[in-house]
Amino acid sequence: QEAWRTVNAMFEDKEKKYLKALEESRKELEEEKKR
């Protein structure tokens, strides 16, 4: 269970990182579309 908690925490951090990058890219695309 501890191993799974560690693995899940690692993936959760990566998921947050990728979701943040995805959101930033989406915002950039929206701004480019507006321009």
PDB file of all heavy atoms in Angstrom:
ATOM      1  N   GLN A   1       0.829  -1.205   0.000  1.00  0.00           N
ATOM      2  CA  GLN A   1       0.000   0.000   0.000  1.00  0.00           C
ATOM      3  C   GLN A   1       0.864   1.256   0.000  1.00  0.00           C
ATOM      4  O   GLN A   1       0.565   2.224  -0.703  1.00  0.00           O
ATOM      5  CB  GLN A   1      -0.933   0.008   1.215  1.00  0.00           C
ATOM      6  CG  GLN A   1      -2.081  -0.966   1.089  1.00  0.00           C
ATOM      7  CD  GLN A   1      -2.917  -1.020   2.353  1.00  0.00           C
ATOM      8  OE1 GLN A   1      -2.448  -0.723   3.443  1.00  0.00           O
ATOM      9  NE2 GLN A   1      -4.181  -1.420   2.193  1.00  0.00           N
ATOM     10  N   GLU A   2       1.946   1.243   0.774  1.00  0.00           N
ATOM     11  CA  GLU A   2       2.849   2.397   0.814  1.00  0.00           C
ATOM     12  C   GLU A   2       3.504   2.608  -0.550  1.00  0.00           C
ATOM     13  O   GLU A   2       3.641   3.732  -1.022  1.00  0.00           O
ATOM     14  CB  GLU A   2       3.917   2.216   1.896  1.00  0.00           C
ATOM     15  CG  GLU A   2       4.851   3.397   2.035  1.00  0.00           C
ATOM     16  CD  GLU A   2       4.144   4.707   2.359  1.00  0.00           C
ATOM     17  OE1 GLU A   2       3.112   4.683   3.061  1.00  0.00           O
ATOM     18  OE2 GLU A   2       4.636   5.761   1.929  1.00  0.00           O
ATOM     19  N   ALA A   3       3.883   1.510  -1.190  1.00  0.00           N
ATOM     20  CA  ALA A   3       4.471   1.614  -2.531  1.00  0.00           C
ATOM     21  C   ALA A   3       3.470   2.232  -3.505  1.00  0.00           C
ATOM     22  O   ALA A   3       3.819   3.115  -4.299  1.00  0.00           O
ATOM     23  CB  ALA A   3       4.918   0.232  -3.011  1.00  0.00           C
ATOM     24  N   TRP A   4       2.219   1.799  -3.428  1.00  0.00           N
ATOM     25  CA  TRP A   4       1.195   2.355  -4.323  1.00  0.00           C
ATOM     26  C   TRP A   4       0.930   3.827  -4.018  1.00  0.00           C
ATOM     27  O   TRP A   4       0.724   4.628  -4.934  1.00  0.00           O
ATOM     28  CB  TRP A   4      -0.106   1.553  -4.244  1.00  0.00           C
ATOM     29  CG  TRP A   4      -0.051   0.337  -5.115  1.00  0.00           C
ATOM     30  CD1 TRP A   4      -0.024  -0.954  -4.721  1.00  0.00           C
ATOM     31  CD2 TRP A   4       0.002   0.320  -6.550  1.00  0.00           C
ATOM     32  NE1 TRP A   4       0.047  -1.794  -5.811  1.00  0.00           N
ATOM     33  CE2 TRP A   4       0.062  -1.034  -6.945  1.00  0.00           C
ATOM     34  CE3 TRP A   4       0.013   1.306  -7.526  1.00  0.00           C
ATOM     35  CZ2 TRP A   4       0.131  -1.417  -8.279  1.00  0.00           C
ATOM     36  CZ3 TRP A   4       0.069   0.925  -8.858  1.00  0.00           C
ATOM     37  CH2 TRP A   4       0.130  -0.422  -9.223  1.00  0.00           C
ATOM     38  N   ARG A   5       0.968   4.199  -2.746  1.00  0.00           N
ATOM     39  CA  ARG A   5       0.787   5.622  -2.397  1.00  0.00           C
ATOM     40  C   ARG A   5       1.907   6.459  -2.996  1.00  0.00           C
ATOM     41  O   ARG A   5       1.675   7.546  -3.524  1.00  0.00           O
ATOM     42  CB  ARG A   5       0.731   5.806  -0.879  1.00  0.00           C
ATOM     43  CG  ARG A   5      -0.622   5.493  -0.263  1.00  0.00           C
ATOM     44  CD  ARG A   5      -0.708   5.974   1.174  1.00  0.00           C
ATOM     45  NE  ARG A   5       0.081   5.175   2.097  1.00  0.00           N
ATOM     46  CZ  ARG A   5      -0.327   4.046   2.675  1.00  0.00           C
ATOM     47  NH1 ARG A   5      -1.540   3.586   2.433  1.00  0.00           N
ATOM     48  NH2 ARG A   5       0.466   3.387   3.495  1.00  0.00           N
ATOM     49  N   THR A   6       3.137   5.926  -2.923  1.00  0.00           N
ATOM     50  CA  THR A   6       4.287   6.637  -3.485  1.00  0.00           C
ATOM     51  C   THR A   6       4.146   6.776  -4.998  1.00  0.00           C
ATOM     52  O   THR A   6       4.347   7.861  -5.561  1.00  0.00           O
ATOM     53  CB  THR A   6       5.590   5.886  -3.147  1.00  0.00           C
ATOM     54  OG1 THR A   6       5.691   5.772  -1.727  1.00  0.00           O
ATOM     55  CG2 THR A   6       6.797   6.619  -3.683  1.00  0.00           C
ATOM     56  N   VAL A   7       3.801   5.674  -5.653  1.00  0.00           N
ATOM     57  CA  VAL A   7       3.627   5.701  -7.113  1.00  0.00           C
ATOM     58  C   VAL A   7       2.514   6.674  -7.490  1.00  0.00           C
ATOM     59  O   VAL A   7       2.662   7.496  -8.403  1.00  0.00           O
ATOM     60  CB  VAL A   7       3.331   4.285  -7.654  1.00  0.00           C
ATOM     61  CG1 VAL A   7       2.849   4.325  -9.098  1.00  0.00           C
ATOM     62  CG2 VAL A   7       4.564   3.405  -7.523  1.00  0.00           C
ATOM     63  N   ASN A   8       1.398   6.591  -6.791  1.00  0.00           N
ATOM     64  CA  ASN A   8       0.275   7.488  -7.088  1.00  0.00           C
ATOM     65  C   ASN A   8       0.650   8.949  -6.877  1.00  0.00           C
ATOM     66  O   ASN A   8       0.259   9.816  -7.658  1.00  0.00           O
ATOM     67  CB  ASN A   8      -0.949   7.122  -6.244  1.00  0.00           C
ATOM     68  CG  ASN A   8      -1.588   5.832  -6.702  1.00  0.00           C
ATOM     69  OD1 ASN A   8      -1.428   5.418  -7.846  1.00  0.00           O
ATOM     70  ND2 ASN A   8      -2.289   5.167  -5.797  1.00  0.00           N
ATOM     71  N   ALA A   9       1.422   9.223  -5.811  1.00  0.00           N
ATOM     72  CA  ALA A   9       1.855  10.601  -5.554  1.00  0.00           C
ATOM     73  C   ALA A   9       2.756  11.103  -6.677  1.00  0.00           C
ATOM     74  O   ALA A   9       2.639  12.254  -7.116  1.00  0.00           O
ATOM     75  CB  ALA A   9       2.577  10.688  -4.211  1.00  0.00           C
ATOM     76  N   MET A  10       3.663  10.233  -7.156  1.00  0.00           N
ATOM     77  CA  MET A  10       4.549  10.631  -8.261  1.00  0.00           C
ATOM     78  C   MET A  10       3.738  10.955  -9.508  1.00  0.00           C
ATOM     79  O   MET A  10       3.960  11.961 -10.166  1.00  0.00           O
ATOM     80  CB  MET A  10       5.546   9.514  -8.571  1.00  0.00           C
ATOM     81  CG  MET A  10       6.644   9.367  -7.557  1.00  0.00           C
ATOM     82  SD  MET A  10       7.818   8.015  -7.849  1.00  0.00           S
ATOM     83  CE  MET A  10       7.480   7.400  -9.456  1.00  0.00           C
ATOM     84  N   PHE A  11       2.788  10.093  -9.822  1.00  0.00           N
ATOM     85  CA  PHE A  11       1.984  10.327 -11.018  1.00  0.00           C
ATOM     86  C   PHE A  11       1.057  11.519 -10.841  1.00  0.00           C
ATOM     87  O   PHE A  11       0.773  12.230 -11.798  1.00  0.00           O
ATOM     88  CB  PHE A  11       1.199   9.070 -11.401  1.00  0.00           C
ATOM     89  CG  PHE A  11       2.050   8.042 -12.078  1.00  0.00           C
ATOM     90  CD1 PHE A  11       2.295   6.820 -11.474  1.00  0.00           C
ATOM     91  CD2 PHE A  11       2.626   8.301 -13.306  1.00  0.00           C
ATOM     92  CE1 PHE A  11       3.090   5.873 -12.095  1.00  0.00           C
ATOM     93  CE2 PHE A  11       3.419   7.359 -13.937  1.00  0.00           C
ATOM     94  CZ  PHE A  11       3.661   6.145 -13.328  1.00  0.00           C
ATOM     95  N   GLU A  12       0.600  11.746  -9.633  1.00  0.00           N
ATOM     96  CA  GLU A  12      -0.265  12.897  -9.378  1.00  0.00           C
ATOM     97  C   GLU A  12       0.501  14.189  -9.644  1.00  0.00           C
ATOM     98  O   GLU A  12      -0.022  15.108 -10.273  1.00  0.00           O
ATOM     99  CB  GLU A  12      -0.773  12.860  -7.938  1.00  0.00           C
ATOM    100  CG  GLU A  12      -1.749  13.985  -7.625  1.00  0.00           C
ATOM    101  CD  GLU A  12      -2.260  13.909  -6.188  1.00  0.00           C
ATOM    102  OE1 GLU A  12      -2.304  12.802  -5.625  1.00  0.00           O
ATOM    103  OE2 GLU A  12      -2.603  14.963  -5.659  1.00  0.00           O
ATOM    104  N   ASP A  13       1.765  14.243  -9.194  1.00  0.00           N
ATOM    105  CA  ASP A  13       2.588  15.429  -9.444  1.00  0.00           C
ATOM    106  C   ASP A  13       2.810  15.633 -10.935  1.00  0.00           C
ATOM    107  O   ASP A  13       2.701  16.752 -11.444  1.00  0.00           O
ATOM    108  CB  ASP A  13       3.940  15.315  -8.730  1.00  0.00           C
ATOM    109  CG  ASP A  13       3.814  15.436  -7.221  1.00  0.00           C
ATOM    110  OD1 ASP A  13       2.757  15.923  -6.742  1.00  0.00           O
ATOM    111  OD2 ASP A  13       4.767  15.044  -6.516  1.00  0.00           O
ATOM    112  N   LYS A  14       3.117  14.535 -11.639  1.00  0.00           N
ATOM    113  CA  LYS A  14       3.322  14.638 -13.082  1.00  0.00           C
ATOM    114  C   LYS A  14       2.034  15.037 -13.787  1.00  0.00           C
ATOM    115  O   LYS A  14       2.050  15.840 -14.710  1.00  0.00           O
ATOM    116  CB  LYS A  14       3.850  13.322 -13.654  1.00  0.00           C
ATOM    117  CG  LYS A  14       5.284  13.072 -13.302  1.00  0.00           C
ATOM    118  CD  LYS A  14       5.823  11.857 -14.016  1.00  0.00           C
ATOM    119  CE  LYS A  14       7.242  11.640 -13.575  1.00  0.00           C
ATOM    120  NZ  LYS A  14       8.154  11.392 -14.629  1.00  0.00           N
ATOM    121  N   GLU A  15       0.913  14.479 -13.341  1.00  0.00           N
ATOM    122  CA  GLU A  15      -0.372  14.804 -13.941  1.00  0.00           C
ATOM    123  C   GLU A  15      -0.673  16.293 -13.763  1.00  0.00           C
ATOM    124  O   GLU A  15      -1.094  16.962 -14.709  1.00  0.00           O
ATOM    125  CB  GLU A  15      -1.482  13.965 -13.311  1.00  0.00           C
ATOM    126  CG  GLU A  15      -2.843  14.237 -13.931  1.00  0.00           C
ATOM    127  CD  GLU A  15      -3.954  13.431 -13.285  1.00  0.00           C
ATOM    128  OE1 GLU A  15      -3.821  13.042 -12.107  1.00  0.00           O
ATOM    129  OE2 GLU A  15      -4.959  13.208 -13.970  1.00  0.00           O
ATOM    130  N   LYS A  16      -0.433  16.817 -12.560  1.00  0.00           N
ATOM    131  CA  LYS A  16      -0.651  18.245 -12.317  1.00  0.00           C
ATOM    132  C   LYS A  16       0.244  19.090 -13.220  1.00  0.00           C
ATOM    133  O   LYS A  16      -0.198  20.088 -13.794  1.00  0.00           O
ATOM    134  CB  LYS A  16      -0.380  18.585 -10.848  1.00  0.00           C
ATOM    135  CG  LYS A  16      -1.457  18.123  -9.904  1.00  0.00           C
ATOM    136  CD  LYS A  16      -1.115  18.482  -8.470  1.00  0.00           C
ATOM    137  CE  LYS A  16      -2.150  17.951  -7.502  1.00  0.00           C
ATOM    138  NZ  LYS A  16      -1.795  18.245  -6.099  1.00  0.00           N
ATOM    139  N   LYS A  17       1.495  18.672 -13.347  1.00  0.00           N
ATOM    140  CA  LYS A  17       2.445  19.395 -14.203  1.00  0.00           C
ATOM    141  C   LYS A  17       1.951  19.417 -15.650  1.00  0.00           C
ATOM    142  O   LYS A  17       1.934  20.464 -16.299  1.00  0.00           O
ATOM    143  CB  LYS A  17       3.814  18.728 -14.111  1.00  0.00           C
ATOM    144  CG  LYS A  17       4.856  19.306 -15.020  1.00  0.00           C
ATOM    145  CD  LYS A  17       6.145  18.495 -14.922  1.00  0.00           C
ATOM    146  CE  LYS A  17       7.097  18.842 -16.041  1.00  0.00           C
ATOM    147  NZ  LYS A  17       8.271  17.964 -16.050  1.00  0.00           N
ATOM    148  N   TYR A  18       1.537  18.250 -16.154  1.00  0.00           N
ATOM    149  CA  TYR A  18       1.079  18.171 -17.542  1.00  0.00           C
ATOM    150  C   TYR A  18      -0.245  18.900 -17.746  1.00  0.00           C
ATOM    151  O   TYR A  18      -0.452  19.527 -18.785  1.00  0.00           O
ATOM    152  CB  TYR A  18       0.979  16.717 -18.000  1.00  0.00           C
ATOM    153  CG  TYR A  18       2.334  16.047 -18.114  1.00  0.00           C
ATOM    154  CD1 TYR A  18       2.557  14.802 -17.560  1.00  0.00           C
ATOM    155  CD2 TYR A  18       3.392  16.668 -18.761  1.00  0.00           C
ATOM    156  CE1 TYR A  18       3.797  14.190 -17.658  1.00  0.00           C
ATOM    157  CE2 TYR A  18       4.628  16.074 -18.854  1.00  0.00           C
ATOM    158  CZ  TYR A  18       4.833  14.824 -18.306  1.00  0.00           C
ATOM    159  OH  TYR A  18       6.055  14.232 -18.406  1.00  0.00           O
ATOM    160  N   LEU A  19      -1.127  18.832 -16.767  1.00  0.00           N
ATOM    161  CA  LEU A  19      -2.395  19.556 -16.884  1.00  0.00           C
ATOM    162  C   LEU A  19      -2.156  21.060 -16.902  1.00  0.00           C
ATOM    163  O   LEU A  19      -2.814  21.790 -17.643  1.00  0.00           O
ATOM    164  CB  LEU A  19      -3.339  19.172 -15.749  1.00  0.00           C
ATOM    165  CG  LEU A  19      -3.962  17.778 -15.848  1.00  0.00           C
ATOM    166  CD1 LEU A  19      -4.774  17.474 -14.594  1.00  0.00           C
ATOM    167  CD2 LEU A  19      -4.817  17.649 -17.090  1.00  0.00           C
ATOM    168  N   LYS A  20      -1.201  21.518 -16.094  1.00  0.00           N
ATOM    169  CA  LYS A  20      -0.861  22.944 -16.076  1.00  0.00           C
ATOM    170  C   LYS A  20      -0.279  23.362 -17.423  1.00  0.00           C
ATOM    171  O   LYS A  20      -0.662  24.398 -17.977  1.00  0.00           O
ATOM    172  CB  LYS A  20       0.141  23.233 -14.955  1.00  0.00           C
ATOM    173  CG  LYS A  20       0.497  24.684 -14.833  1.00  0.00           C
ATOM    174  CD  LYS A  20       1.463  24.935 -13.688  1.00  0.00           C
ATOM    175  CE  LYS A  20       1.838  26.402 -13.616  1.00  0.00           C
ATOM    176  NZ  LYS A  20       2.805  26.663 -12.556  1.00  0.00           N
ATOM    177  N   ALA A  21       0.634  22.549 -17.960  1.00  0.00           N
ATOM    178  CA  ALA A  21       1.221  22.848 -19.264  1.00  0.00           C
ATOM    179  C   ALA A  21       0.157  22.835 -20.354  1.00  0.00           C
ATOM    180  O   ALA A  21       0.159  23.689 -21.253  1.00  0.00           O
ATOM    181  CB  ALA A  21       2.325  21.842 -19.591  1.00  0.00           C
ATOM    182  N   LEU A  22      -0.757  21.888 -20.266  1.00  0.00           N
ATOM    183  CA  LEU A  22      -1.842  21.804 -21.238  1.00  0.00           C
ATOM    184  C   LEU A  22      -2.730  23.042 -21.170  1.00  0.00           C
ATOM    185  O   LEU A  22      -3.112  23.607 -22.201  1.00  0.00           O
ATOM    186  CB  LEU A  22      -2.665  20.541 -20.986  1.00  0.00           C
ATOM    187  CG  LEU A  22      -3.802  20.253 -21.953  1.00  0.00           C
ATOM    188  CD1 LEU A  22      -3.276  20.018 -23.354  1.00  0.00           C
ATOM    189  CD2 LEU A  22      -4.580  19.031 -21.477  1.00  0.00           C
ATOM    190  N   GLU A  23      -3.045  23.480 -19.971  1.00  0.00           N
ATOM    191  CA  GLU A  23      -3.878  24.674 -19.793  1.00  0.00           C
ATOM    192  C   GLU A  23      -3.170  25.917 -20.334  1.00  0.00           C
ATOM    193  O   GLU A  23      -3.780  26.756 -20.993  1.00  0.00           O
ATOM    194  CB  GLU A  23      -4.228  24.858 -18.309  1.00  0.00           C
ATOM    195  CG  GLU A  23      -5.112  26.043 -18.031  1.00  0.00           C
ATOM    196  CD  GLU A  23      -6.479  25.986 -18.686  1.00  0.00           C
ATOM    197  OE1 GLU A  23      -6.944  24.893 -19.043  1.00  0.00           O
ATOM    198  OE2 GLU A  23      -7.094  27.059 -18.857  1.00  0.00           O
ATOM    199  N   GLU A  24      -1.859  26.027 -20.082  1.00  0.00           N
ATOM    200  CA  GLU A  24      -1.099  27.157 -20.609  1.00  0.00           C
ATOM    201  C   GLU A  24      -1.089  27.143 -22.132  1.00  0.00           C
ATOM    202  O   GLU A  24      -1.250  28.188 -22.772  1.00  0.00           O
ATOM    203  CB  GLU A  24       0.322  27.135 -20.056  1.00  0.00           C
ATOM    204  CG  GLU A  24       0.403  27.484 -18.585  1.00  0.00           C
ATOM    205  CD  GLU A  24       1.797  27.300 -18.005  1.00  0.00           C
ATOM    206  OE1 GLU A  24       2.735  26.911 -18.749  1.00  0.00           O
ATOM    207  OE2 GLU A  24       1.949  27.527 -16.792  1.00  0.00           O
ATOM    208  N   SER A  25      -0.922  25.963 -22.713  1.00  0.00           N
ATOM    209  CA  SER A  25      -0.938  25.847 -24.174  1.00  0.00           C
ATOM    210  C   SER A  25      -2.306  26.220 -24.733  1.00  0.00           C
ATOM    211  O   SER A  25      -2.404  26.889 -25.764  1.00  0.00           O
ATOM    212  CB  SER A  25      -0.590  24.421 -24.603  1.00  0.00           C
ATOM    213  OG  SER A  25       0.731  24.109 -24.259  1.00  0.00           O
ATOM    214  N   ARG A  26      -3.360  25.787 -24.041  1.00  0.00           N
ATOM    215  CA  ARG A  26      -4.716  26.127 -24.485  1.00  0.00           C
ATOM    216  C   ARG A  26      -4.930  27.632 -24.465  1.00  0.00           C
ATOM    217  O   ARG A  26      -5.487  28.214 -25.398  1.00  0.00           O
ATOM    218  CB  ARG A  26      -5.749  25.429 -23.600  1.00  0.00           C
ATOM    219  CG  ARG A  26      -7.185  25.580 -24.115  1.00  0.00           C
ATOM    220  CD  ARG A  26      -8.216  25.200 -23.083  1.00  0.00           C
ATOM    221  NE  ARG A  26      -8.206  26.040 -21.907  1.00  0.00           N
ATOM    222  CZ  ARG A  26      -8.672  27.305 -21.857  1.00  0.00           C
ATOM    223  NH1 ARG A  26      -9.184  27.867 -22.921  1.00  0.00           N
ATOM    224  NH2 ARG A  26      -8.637  27.995 -20.736  1.00  0.00           N
ATOM    225  N   LYS A  27      -4.446  28.283 -23.399  1.00  0.00           N
ATOM    226  CA  LYS A  27      -4.589  29.736 -23.301  1.00  0.00           C
ATOM    227  C   LYS A  27      -3.809  30.432 -24.413  1.00  0.00           C
ATOM    228  O   LYS A  27      -4.297  31.393 -25.013  1.00  0.00           O
ATOM    229  CB  LYS A  27      -4.103  30.231 -21.933  1.00  0.00           C
ATOM    230  CG  LYS A  27      -5.058  29.936 -20.816  1.00  0.00           C
ATOM    231  CD  LYS A  27      -4.524  30.443 -19.487  1.00  0.00           C
ATOM    232  CE  LYS A  27      -5.464  30.100 -18.342  1.00  0.00           C
ATOM    233  NZ  LYS A  27      -4.924  30.551 -17.049  1.00  0.00           N
ATOM    234  N   GLU A  28      -2.587  29.954 -24.697  1.00  0.00           N
ATOM    235  CA  GLU A  28      -1.789  30.534 -25.775  1.00  0.00           C
ATOM    236  C   GLU A  28      -2.494  30.387 -27.116  1.00  0.00           C
ATOM    237  O   GLU A  28      -2.504  31.312 -27.929  1.00  0.00           O
ATOM    238  CB  GLU A  28      -0.411  29.882 -25.823  1.00  0.00           C
ATOM    239  CG  GLU A  28       0.485  30.258 -24.663  1.00  0.00           C
ATOM    240  CD  GLU A  28       1.780  29.466 -24.653  1.00  0.00           C
ATOM    241  OE1 GLU A  28       2.045  28.697 -25.612  1.00  0.00           O
ATOM    242  OE2 GLU A  28       2.532  29.611 -23.673  1.00  0.00           O
ATOM    243  N   LEU A  29      -3.081  29.211 -27.348  1.00  0.00           N
ATOM    244  CA  LEU A  29      -3.807  28.989 -28.596  1.00  0.00           C
ATOM    245  C   LEU A  29      -5.017  29.903 -28.707  1.00  0.00           C
ATOM    246  O   LEU A  29      -5.310  30.429 -29.785  1.00  0.00           O
ATOM    247  CB  LEU A  29      -4.241  27.525 -28.708  1.00  0.00           C
ATOM    248  CG  LEU A  29      -3.147  26.533 -29.041  1.00  0.00           C
ATOM    249  CD1 LEU A  29      -3.672  25.098 -28.951  1.00  0.00           C
ATOM    250  CD2 LEU A  29      -2.583  26.790 -30.426  1.00  0.00           C
ATOM    251  N   GLU A  30      -5.731  30.092 -27.598  1.00  0.00           N
ATOM    252  CA  GLU A  30      -6.895  30.989 -27.599  1.00  0.00           C
ATOM    253  C   GLU A  30      -6.450  32.424 -27.916  1.00  0.00           C
ATOM    254  O   GLU A  30      -7.108  33.122 -28.681  1.00  0.00           O
ATOM    255  CB  GLU A  30      -7.614  30.943 -26.246  1.00  0.00           C
ATOM    256  CG  GLU A  30      -8.432  29.689 -26.033  1.00  0.00           C
ATOM    257  CD  GLU A  30      -9.595  29.567 -26.995  1.00  0.00           C
ATOM    258  OE1 GLU A  30     -10.242  30.582 -27.318  1.00  0.00           O
ATOM    259  OE2 GLU A  30      -9.859  28.429 -27.433  1.00  0.00           O
ATOM    260  N   GLU A  31      -5.334  32.852 -27.314  1.00  0.00           N
ATOM    261  CA  GLU A  31      -4.830  34.201 -27.580  1.00  0.00           C
ATOM    262  C   GLU A  31      -4.401  34.339 -29.037  1.00  0.00           C
ATOM    263  O   GLU A  31      -4.672  35.361 -29.678  1.00  0.00           O
ATOM    264  CB  GLU A  31      -3.665  34.513 -26.643  1.00  0.00           C
ATOM    265  CG  GLU A  31      -4.093  34.697 -25.194  1.00  0.00           C
ATOM    266  CD  GLU A  31      -2.910  34.826 -24.244  1.00  0.00           C
ATOM    267  OE1 GLU A  31      -1.752  34.888 -24.704  1.00  0.00           O
ATOM    268  OE2 GLU A  31      -3.163  34.855 -23.026  1.00  0.00           O
ATOM    269  N   GLU A  32      -3.732  33.315 -29.568  1.00  0.00           N
ATOM    270  CA  GLU A  32      -3.303  33.340 -30.966  1.00  0.00           C
ATOM    271  C   GLU A  32      -4.519  33.368 -31.894  1.00  0.00           C
ATOM    272  O   GLU A  32      -4.537  34.084 -32.895  1.00  0.00           O
ATOM    273  CB  GLU A  32      -2.427  32.122 -31.273  1.00  0.00           C
ATOM    274  CG  GLU A  32      -1.864  32.114 -32.670  1.00  0.00           C
ATOM    275  CD  GLU A  32      -0.932  33.260 -32.954  1.00  0.00           C
ATOM    276  OE1 GLU A  32      -0.246  33.735 -32.018  1.00  0.00           O
ATOM    277  OE2 GLU A  32      -0.894  33.704 -34.114  1.00  0.00           O
ATOM    278  N   LYS A  33      -5.545  32.597 -31.560  1.00  0.00           N
ATOM    279  CA  LYS A  33      -6.775  32.591 -32.356  1.00  0.00           C
ATOM    280  C   LYS A  33      -7.410  33.973 -32.339  1.00  0.00           C
ATOM    281  O   LYS A  33      -7.849  34.474 -33.374  1.00  0.00           O
ATOM    282  CB  LYS A  33      -7.743  31.555 -31.796  1.00  0.00           C
ATOM    283  CG  LYS A  33      -9.048  31.465 -32.542  1.00  0.00           C
ATOM    284  CD  LYS A  33      -9.972  30.442 -31.914  1.00  0.00           C
ATOM    285  CE  LYS A  33     -11.329  30.422 -32.592  1.00  0.00           C
ATOM    286  NZ  LYS A  33     -12.269  29.496 -31.952  1.00  0.00           N
ATOM    287  N   LYS A  34      -7.437  34.597 -31.163  1.00  0.00           N
ATOM    288  CA  LYS A  34      -8.020  35.933 -31.046  1.00  0.00           C
ATOM    289  C   LYS A  34      -7.232  36.936 -31.889  1.00  0.00           C
ATOM    290  O   LYS A  34      -7.818  37.754 -32.603  1.00  0.00           O
ATOM    291  CB  LYS A  34      -8.033  36.360 -29.577  1.00  0.00           C
ATOM    292  CG  LYS A  34      -8.710  37.675 -29.325  1.00  0.00           C
ATOM    293  CD  LYS A  34      -8.737  38.008 -27.844  1.00  0.00           C
ATOM    294  CE  LYS A  34      -9.372  39.363 -27.595  1.00  0.00           C
ATOM    295  NZ  LYS A  34      -9.368  39.712 -26.171  1.00  0.00           N
ATOM    296  N   ARG A  35      -5.887  36.852 -31.826  1.00  0.00           N
ATOM    297  CA  ARG A  35      -5.058  37.759 -32.634  1.00  0.00           C
ATOM    298  C   ARG A  35      -5.300  37.532 -34.122  1.00  0.00           C
ATOM    299  O   ARG A  35      -5.385  38.487 -34.898  1.00  0.00           O
ATOM    300  CB  ARG A  35      -3.577  37.570 -32.302  1.00  0.00           C
ATOM    301  CG  ARG A  35      -3.150  38.195 -30.998  1.00  0.00           C
ATOM    302  CD  ARG A  35      -1.640  38.217 -30.843  1.00  0.00           C
ATOM    303  NE  ARG A  35      -1.058  36.890 -30.763  1.00  0.00           N
ATOM    304  CZ  ARG A  35      -0.867  36.210 -29.644  1.00  0.00           C
ATOM    305  NH1 ARG A  35      -1.215  36.734 -28.496  1.00  0.00           N
ATOM    306  NH2 ARG A  35      -0.316  35.021 -29.674  1.00  0.00           N
TER     307      ARG A  35
END
